[in-house]
Amino acid sequence: MTPESIKNTEIKELGATLLHIGALLLSAGASTGRTRNTITRISDSFGYNTEFVINNRTLLLTLSDENNEYFFNSLKRSSPHGVNFTLLSGISHLSWEIVEDKLTINQINEQLAKLTALPHYERWIVLILVGLAGSSFCRVNGGEALDMLAVFIATFAGLFVRQEATRLRFNLYMCIYFGAFTASLIAGGAVKFGMGYTHEQAFATSVLFLIPGVPLINTFSDMIEGNLQNAIVRGMNGLIISFAIGLGLLTSMFIYQF
């Protein structure tokens, strides 16, 4: 194989790997700046120049060598967004390992395969922990023991319904509406029929598990870094999610005539 073909193969393989890393970061909840910095860090360690455009779900990448003799240009679309802090921190550590230990492209792909194959928490563990978090928020807002119990049950049921709706491939915002409606219906029932033992704190904090924290944080991060287009898209996404939560609460309030 000639040096030219080796160089040509390397830039193509590196470009495909960088696009894969960028798509993983976007789908795991990374901000635009974090995605850009990680890709640039890795490409710099291989001695290539990088130009790219990052949208909310799309990544366009151009790689070139110092003499502009070899180019790679391609576009990749990321999967639907979620939050995966294990994957985010794993890719961040991997990028620094690439810089310090000069990993090859094959070694990078092997490490990525291991990161994406890591198991998630068991479903019942997530349901219980999120329910406990909701109860804690209720306590912080002045709720009593029965309020915390109502919020735990409401959060547990609301998250379960949202997970099932997602599994059945409902629209994202419909899944959030179903979760908010279920949680507020249960907590609202405790307020309506609790004979004075439960308070409004239970109803108000029952849907906090649906608050789009990561999209809103990324909106602010993109805005202060000058990525206004992505900030607007992420902000609108957070706004629609908030509207779906409010609609779920409003439906329960209409049923109970609060």
Foldseek 3Di string as FASTA:
>chain_A
DDPVVVVQVQVQLLVVLLQVLLLVCLQQQHFPVLSVVLSCLLLVLVQWDWDWDDANFKIWIWIAHPVRPYIDTDMDGHDHHDHDVQLVVQSVVVSVCCNPVVDGSVVSVVSNVVSVPDDDDDPVVVLQVQLQVLLVQLVVVPWDPVLSVQLSVLLSVLVVQLVVCVVVPDDNLVSLLSSLLSSLLSSVVCCLPVVPNGDCSSNVSSSVSQQPVSLQVSLVVCVVVVVNNNSVVSVVVNVSSVVSNVVSNVVSCVVSVD
